[in-house]
Amino acid sequence: MTSTSHDHELVSIYGYSDEQIDTLMTEAPECVLMWSTKDGWPVGVVHAFVWKDKKVWLTFAAHRHRAAAIRRDPRVSVAVSAVGAKTVAGTATMKGTATFHEDDATKKWFYRALARKVSPDDQVGEDAFYSLLDSPLRVILEIEPVKWITYDGDKAARDMAGELPEEEKTPRLESDGVRMNAERARRGLEPR
């Protein structure tokens, strides 16, 4: 097999720009929130979310196991697919730190923003969802990004068609350089 930039093993060169991250996070309807349990198991749950101030905001009841786990260790991840997004293709995963909010001011803006996102162009549906969210046990989680792992499906498709200029590619990450070549050497394959 010849070495080409669109080799299926080399994907870090198809990263998102900051603008694409903003677009995906604004348009995508859901994310997967992931955390570690006390015994070290990774767990994830799908959530509707709001992207505001370059942070993910979501909600759940305070008595959920994830609340105790995240209070114990606020390092979480959020994965978002472009399925349901209108103008981007691909995925983004964020490593982040979580902060809990229970104040009325945060609840008021967040519940309205989430209800509007879940029921756009439907005031009755928006108001019904707002009422559902407004419960005494609910907490809001704010997640601030520490690191992004992204994949731009449009860039990959354009590269495979020979239409992606080099300047649109993102820098090759260690996983697609050092680590991939170490694994190729271990398997007796030529480096790339």
C-alpha atoms as a PDB file:
ATOM      1  CA  MET A   1       0.000   0.000   0.000  1.00  0.00           C
ATOM      2  CA  THR A   2       1.365   3.421  -0.876  1.00  0.00           C
ATOM      3  CA  SER A   3       1.605   6.200   1.660  1.00  0.00           C
ATOM      4  CA  THR A   4      -0.966   8.903   1.027  1.00  0.00           C
ATOM      5  CA  SER A   5      -2.375  11.626   3.216  1.00  0.00           C
ATOM      6  CA  HIS A   6      -5.840  10.118   2.882  1.00  0.00           C
ATOM      7  CA  ASP A   7      -4.768   6.745   4.264  1.00  0.00           C
ATOM      8  CA  HIS A   8      -7.501   5.495   6.594  1.00  0.00           C
ATOM      9  CA  GLU A   9      -4.931   5.144   9.400  1.00  0.00           C
ATOM     10  CA  LEU A  10      -3.957   8.835   9.237  1.00  0.00           C
ATOM     11  CA  VAL A  11      -6.845  10.963  10.511  1.00  0.00           C
ATOM     12  CA  SER A  12      -5.398  13.659  12.783  1.00  0.00           C
ATOM     13  CA  ILE A  13      -4.781  15.864   9.728  1.00  0.00           C
ATOM     14  CA  TYR A  14      -8.563  16.312   9.417  1.00  0.00           C
ATOM     15  CA  GLY A  15      -9.136  18.382  12.549  1.00  0.00           C
ATOM     16  CA  TYR A  16     -11.761  21.078  13.037  1.00  0.00           C
ATOM     17  CA  SER A  17     -11.032  24.781  13.228  1.00  0.00           C
ATOM     18  CA  ASP A  18     -12.317  26.730  16.248  1.00  0.00           C
ATOM     19  CA  GLU A  19     -15.142  28.032  14.054  1.00  0.00           C
ATOM     20  CA  GLN A  20     -16.146  24.489  13.078  1.00  0.00           C
ATOM     21  CA  ILE A  21     -16.169  23.440  16.736  1.00  0.00           C
ATOM     22  CA  ASP A  22     -18.480  26.372  17.488  1.00  0.00           C
ATOM     23  CA  THR A  23     -20.763  25.414  14.602  1.00  0.00           C
ATOM     24  CA  LEU A  24     -20.934  21.745  15.562  1.00  0.00           C
ATOM     25  CA  MET A  25     -21.526  22.487  19.225  1.00  0.00           C
ATOM     26  CA  THR A  26     -24.271  24.967  18.373  1.00  0.00           C
ATOM     27  CA  GLU A  27     -26.049  22.772  15.817  1.00  0.00           C
ATOM     28  CA  ALA A  28     -25.727  19.264  17.302  1.00  0.00           C
ATOM     29  CA  PRO A  29     -28.789  18.238  19.302  1.00  0.00           C
ATOM     30  CA  GLU A  30     -27.118  15.821  21.715  1.00  0.00           C
ATOM     31  CA  CYS A  31     -23.823  14.868  23.301  1.00  0.00           C
ATOM     32  CA  VAL A  32     -22.513  11.961  25.323  1.00  0.00           C
ATOM     33  CA  LEU A  33     -21.280  12.967  28.782  1.00  0.00           C
ATOM     34  CA  MET A  34     -18.623  10.552  30.088  1.00  0.00           C
ATOM     35  CA  TRP A  35     -17.126  10.150  33.547  1.00  0.00           C
ATOM     36  CA  SER A  36     -15.399   7.492  35.677  1.00  0.00           C
ATOM     37  CA  THR A  37     -17.117   5.509  38.388  1.00  0.00           C
ATOM     38  CA  LYS A  38     -15.566   4.945  41.800  1.00  0.00           C
ATOM     39  CA  ASP A  39     -14.212   1.574  40.630  1.00  0.00           C
ATOM     40  CA  GLY A  40     -12.691   3.068  37.457  1.00  0.00           C
ATOM     41  CA  TRP A  41     -15.298   2.134  34.846  1.00  0.00           C
ATOM     42  CA  PRO A  42     -15.902   4.694  32.101  1.00  0.00           C
ATOM     43  CA  VAL A  43     -19.603   5.479  31.703  1.00  0.00           C
ATOM     44  CA  GLY A  44     -21.504   7.726  29.298  1.00  0.00           C
ATOM     45  CA  VAL A  45     -25.052   9.038  28.991  1.00  0.00           C
ATOM     46  CA  VAL A  46     -26.668  10.933  26.110  1.00  0.00           C
ATOM     47  CA  HIS A  47     -27.814  14.471  26.978  1.00  0.00           C
ATOM     48  CA  ALA A  48     -29.366  17.407  25.211  1.00  0.00           C
ATOM     49  CA  PHE A  49     -27.032  20.337  25.802  1.00  0.00           C
ATOM     50  CA  VAL A  50     -26.415  24.025  25.249  1.00  0.00           C
ATOM     51  CA  TRP A  51     -23.157  25.496  23.925  1.00  0.00           C
ATOM     52  CA  LYS A  52     -22.635  28.914  25.546  1.00  0.00           C
ATOM     53  CA  ASP A  53     -19.468  30.911  26.229  1.00  0.00           C
ATOM     54  CA  LYS A  54     -17.446  28.110  24.579  1.00  0.00           C
ATOM     55  CA  LYS A  55     -18.642  25.640  27.247  1.00  0.00           C
ATOM     56  CA  VAL A  56     -21.093  22.744  27.333  1.00  0.00           C
ATOM     57  CA  TRP A  57     -24.053  23.124  29.684  1.00  0.00           C
ATOM     58  CA  LEU A  58     -26.377  20.225  30.533  1.00  0.00           C
ATOM     59  CA  THR A  59     -28.603  19.047  33.339  1.00  0.00           C
ATOM     60  CA  PHE A  60     -29.682  16.007  35.343  1.00  0.00           C
ATOM     61  CA  ALA A  61     -31.098  15.222  38.781  1.00  0.00           C
ATOM     62  CA  ALA A  62     -28.756  15.643  41.740  1.00  0.00           C
ATOM     63  CA  HIS A  63     -29.380  12.095  43.008  1.00  0.00           C
ATOM     64  CA  ARG A  64     -28.014  10.417  39.843  1.00  0.00           C
ATOM     65  CA  HIS A  65     -24.831   8.359  40.267  1.00  0.00           C
ATOM     66  CA  ARG A  66     -23.068  10.652  37.788  1.00  0.00           C
ATOM     67  CA  ALA A  67     -23.532  13.603  40.165  1.00  0.00           C
ATOM     68  CA  ALA A  68     -21.596  11.869  42.949  1.00  0.00           C
ATOM     69  CA  ALA A  69     -18.951  10.588  40.531  1.00  0.00           C
ATOM     70  CA  ILE A  70     -18.366  14.000  38.934  1.00  0.00           C
ATOM     71  CA  ARG A  71     -18.275  15.756  42.328  1.00  0.00           C
ATOM     72  CA  ARG A  72     -15.578  13.240  43.304  1.00  0.00           C
ATOM     73  CA  ASP A  73     -13.620  13.769  40.065  1.00  0.00           C
ATOM     74  CA  PRO A  74     -14.646  16.716  37.856  1.00  0.00           C
ATOM     75  CA  ARG A  75     -12.650  15.470  34.843  1.00  0.00           C
ATOM     76  CA  VAL A  76     -15.172  14.480  32.201  1.00  0.00           C
ATOM     77  CA  SER A  77     -15.406  14.048  28.447  1.00  0.00           C
ATOM     78  CA  VAL A  78     -18.118  15.081  26.036  1.00  0.00           C
ATOM     79  CA  ALA A  79     -18.479  13.479  22.597  1.00  0.00           C
ATOM     80  CA  VAL A  80     -20.573  15.100  19.879  1.00  0.00           C
ATOM     81  CA  SER A  81     -21.480  13.726  16.467  1.00  0.00           C
ATOM     82  CA  ALA A  82     -22.451  15.910  13.529  1.00  0.00           C
ATOM     83  CA  VAL A  83     -25.526  13.709  12.969  1.00  0.00           C
ATOM     84  CA  GLY A  84     -28.327  16.225  13.316  1.00  0.00           C
ATOM     85  CA  ALA A  85     -26.045  19.179  12.564  1.00  0.00           C
ATOM     86  CA  LYS A  86     -26.777  21.143   9.402  1.00  0.00           C
ATOM     87  CA  THR A  87     -23.471  22.505   8.124  1.00  0.00           C
ATOM     88  CA  VAL A  88     -20.617  20.316   9.435  1.00  0.00           C
ATOM     89  CA  ALA A  89     -19.641  16.651   9.203  1.00  0.00           C
ATOM     90  CA  GLY A  90     -17.554  14.649  11.637  1.00  0.00           C
ATOM     91  CA  THR A  91     -17.129  14.482  15.383  1.00  0.00           C
ATOM     92  CA  ALA A  92     -15.625  16.326  18.327  1.00  0.00           C
ATOM     93  CA  THR A  93     -14.646  14.984  21.717  1.00  0.00           C
ATOM     94  CA  MET A  94     -13.784  17.343  24.523  1.00  0.00           C
ATOM     95  CA  LYS A  95     -11.810  16.600  27.644  1.00  0.00           C
ATOM     96  CA  GLY A  96     -13.047  19.086  30.212  1.00  0.00           C
ATOM     97  CA  THR A  97     -13.547  20.056  33.812  1.00  0.00           C
ATOM     98  CA  ALA A  98     -17.029  20.198  35.293  1.00  0.00           C
ATOM     99  CA  THR A  99     -18.599  22.701  37.653  1.00  0.00           C
ATOM    100  CA  PHE A 100     -22.039  22.290  39.249  1.00  0.00           C
ATOM    101  CA  HIS A 101     -24.586  25.119  39.400  1.00  0.00           C
ATOM    102  CA  GLU A 102     -27.820  25.236  41.382  1.00  0.00           C
ATOM    103  CA  ASP A 103     -28.537  28.970  41.526  1.00  0.00           C
ATOM    104  CA  ASP A 104     -31.800  30.409  40.216  1.00  0.00           C
ATOM    105  CA  ALA A 105     -30.184  32.807  37.728  1.00  0.00           C
ATOM    106  CA  THR A 106     -28.306  29.986  35.959  1.00  0.00           C
ATOM    107  CA  LYS A 107     -31.372  27.750  35.999  1.00  0.00           C
ATOM    108  CA  LYS A 108     -33.527  30.469  34.461  1.00  0.00           C
ATOM    109  CA  TRP A 109     -31.338  31.189  31.401  1.00  0.00           C
ATOM    110  CA  PHE A 110     -30.233  27.580  30.951  1.00  0.00           C
ATOM    111  CA  TYR A 111     -33.680  25.984  31.147  1.00  0.00           C
ATOM    112  CA  ARG A 112     -35.004  28.483  28.593  1.00  0.00           C
ATOM    113  CA  ALA A 113     -32.021  27.960  26.256  1.00  0.00           C
ATOM    114  CA  LEU A 114     -32.274  24.161  26.462  1.00  0.00           C
ATOM    115  CA  ALA A 115     -36.053  24.181  26.013  1.00  0.00           C
ATOM    116  CA  ARG A 116     -35.682  26.422  22.948  1.00  0.00           C
ATOM    117  CA  LYS A 117     -33.025  24.112  21.497  1.00  0.00           C
ATOM    118  CA  VAL A 118     -35.132  20.997  22.063  1.00  0.00           C
ATOM    119  CA  SER A 119     -38.345  22.606  20.721  1.00  0.00           C
ATOM    120  CA  PRO A 120     -37.309  25.246  18.183  1.00  0.00           C
ATOM    121  CA  ASP A 121     -40.180  27.122  16.536  1.00  0.00           C
ATOM    122  CA  ASP A 122     -42.687  25.565  18.968  1.00  0.00           C
ATOM    123  CA  GLN A 123     -43.500  27.871  21.886  1.00  0.00           C
ATOM    124  CA  VAL A 124     -45.926  25.382  23.453  1.00  0.00           C
ATOM    125  CA  GLY A 125     -43.324  22.604  23.337  1.00  0.00           C
ATOM    126  CA  GLU A 126     -40.612  24.949  24.595  1.00  0.00           C
ATOM    127  CA  ASP A 127     -42.746  26.055  27.559  1.00  0.00           C
ATOM    128  CA  ALA A 128     -43.714  22.465  28.384  1.00  0.00           C
ATOM    129  CA  PHE A 129     -40.072  21.350  28.386  1.00  0.00           C
ATOM    130  CA  TYR A 130     -39.077  24.382  30.495  1.00  0.00           C
ATOM    131  CA  SER A 131     -41.688  23.353  33.084  1.00  0.00           C
ATOM    132  CA  LEU A 132     -40.401  19.790  33.056  1.00  0.00           C
ATOM    133  CA  LEU A 133     -36.835  20.977  33.677  1.00  0.00           C
ATOM    134  CA  ASP A 134     -37.779  23.311  36.521  1.00  0.00           C
ATOM    135  CA  SER A 135     -37.613  20.829  39.399  1.00  0.00           C
ATOM    136  CA  PRO A 136     -36.021  21.133  42.861  1.00  0.00           C
ATOM    137  CA  LEU A 137     -33.599  18.204  42.452  1.00  0.00           C
ATOM    138  CA  ARG A 138     -32.101  19.353  39.151  1.00  0.00           C
ATOM    139  CA  VAL A 139     -28.473  20.504  38.870  1.00  0.00           C
ATOM    140  CA  ILE A 140     -26.736  22.125  35.924  1.00  0.00           C
ATOM    141  CA  LEU A 141     -23.296  21.040  34.816  1.00  0.00           C
ATOM    142  CA  GLU A 142     -20.936  23.485  33.101  1.00  0.00           C
ATOM    143  CA  ILE A 143     -18.040  21.826  31.273  1.00  0.00           C
ATOM    144  CA  GLU A 144     -15.029  23.877  30.269  1.00  0.00           C
ATOM    145  CA  PRO A 145     -12.836  22.429  27.504  1.00  0.00           C
ATOM    146  CA  VAL A 146      -9.258  21.439  28.303  1.00  0.00           C
ATOM    147  CA  LYS A 147      -8.516  19.556  25.066  1.00  0.00           C
ATOM    148  CA  TRP A 148     -10.340  18.774  21.812  1.00  0.00           C
ATOM    149  CA  ILE A 149     -10.103  15.679  19.616  1.00  0.00           C
ATOM    150  CA  THR A 150     -11.856  16.381  16.321  1.00  0.00           C
ATOM    151  CA  TYR A 151     -12.468  14.797  12.942  1.00  0.00           C
ATOM    152  CA  ASP A 152     -13.741  16.737   9.926  1.00  0.00           C
ATOM    153  CA  GLY A 153     -15.496  14.248   7.655  1.00  0.00           C
ATOM    154  CA  ASP A 154     -15.744  16.802   4.835  1.00  0.00           C
ATOM    155  CA  LYS A 155     -11.958  17.306   4.809  1.00  0.00           C
ATOM    156  CA  ALA A 156     -11.381  13.545   4.702  1.00  0.00           C
ATOM    157  CA  ALA A 157     -13.806  13.112   1.794  1.00  0.00           C
ATOM    158  CA  ARG A 158     -12.239  16.001  -0.125  1.00  0.00           C
ATOM    159  CA  ASP A 159      -8.747  14.587   0.481  1.00  0.00           C
ATOM    160  CA  MET A 160      -9.774  11.151  -0.770  1.00  0.00           C
ATOM    161  CA  ALA A 161     -11.083  12.859  -3.910  1.00  0.00           C
ATOM    162  CA  GLY A 162      -7.752  14.702  -4.286  1.00  0.00           C
ATOM    163  CA  GLU A 163      -9.408  18.083  -3.631  1.00  0.00           C
ATOM    164  CA  LEU A 164      -8.067  19.116  -0.207  1.00  0.00           C
ATOM    165  CA  PRO A 165      -5.227  21.656  -0.296  1.00  0.00           C
ATOM    166  CA  GLU A 166      -2.335  20.965   2.092  1.00  0.00           C
ATOM    167  CA  GLU A 167      -2.920  24.269   3.932  1.00  0.00           C
ATOM    168  CA  GLU A 168      -6.368  23.063   5.055  1.00  0.00           C
ATOM    169  CA  LYS A 169      -4.928  20.017   6.812  1.00  0.00           C
ATOM    170  CA  THR A 170      -4.243  20.235  10.524  1.00  0.00           C
ATOM    171  CA  PRO A 171      -0.868  19.205  11.968  1.00  0.00           C
ATOM    172  CA  ARG A 172      -0.242  15.484  12.227  1.00  0.00           C
ATOM    173  CA  LEU A 173      -0.554  14.461  15.870  1.00  0.00           C
ATOM    174  CA  GLU A 174       1.801  12.135  17.734  1.00  0.00           C
ATOM    175  CA  SER A 175      -0.723   9.298  17.408  1.00  0.00           C
ATOM    176  CA  ASP A 176      -0.452   9.478  13.594  1.00  0.00           C
ATOM    177  CA  GLY A 177       3.307   9.949  13.610  1.00  0.00           C
ATOM    178  CA  VAL A 178       5.351   8.505  16.442  1.00  0.00           C
ATOM    179  CA  ARG A 179       2.815   6.018  17.805  1.00  0.00           C
ATOM    180  CA  MET A 180       1.556   4.805  14.421  1.00  0.00           C
ATOM    181  CA  ASN A 181       5.109   4.250  13.160  1.00  0.00           C
ATOM    182  CA  ALA A 182       6.071   2.405  16.354  1.00  0.00           C
ATOM    183  CA  GLU A 183       3.086   0.096  15.842  1.00  0.00           C
ATOM    184  CA  ARG A 184       3.922  -0.319  12.141  1.00  0.00           C
ATOM    185  CA  ALA A 185       7.518  -1.246  13.079  1.00  0.00           C
ATOM    186  CA  ARG A 186       6.244  -3.726  15.668  1.00  0.00           C
ATOM    187  CA  ARG A 187       4.206  -5.365  12.881  1.00  0.00           C
ATOM    188  CA  GLY A 188       7.096  -5.313  10.396  1.00  0.00           C
ATOM    189  CA  LEU A 189       5.558  -2.582   8.229  1.00  0.00           C
ATOM    190  CA  GLU A 190       7.238   0.422   6.607  1.00  0.00           C
ATOM    191  CA  PRO A 191       6.921   3.771   8.438  1.00  0.00           C
ATOM    192  CA  ARG A 192       4.719   6.570   7.064  1.00  0.00           C
END
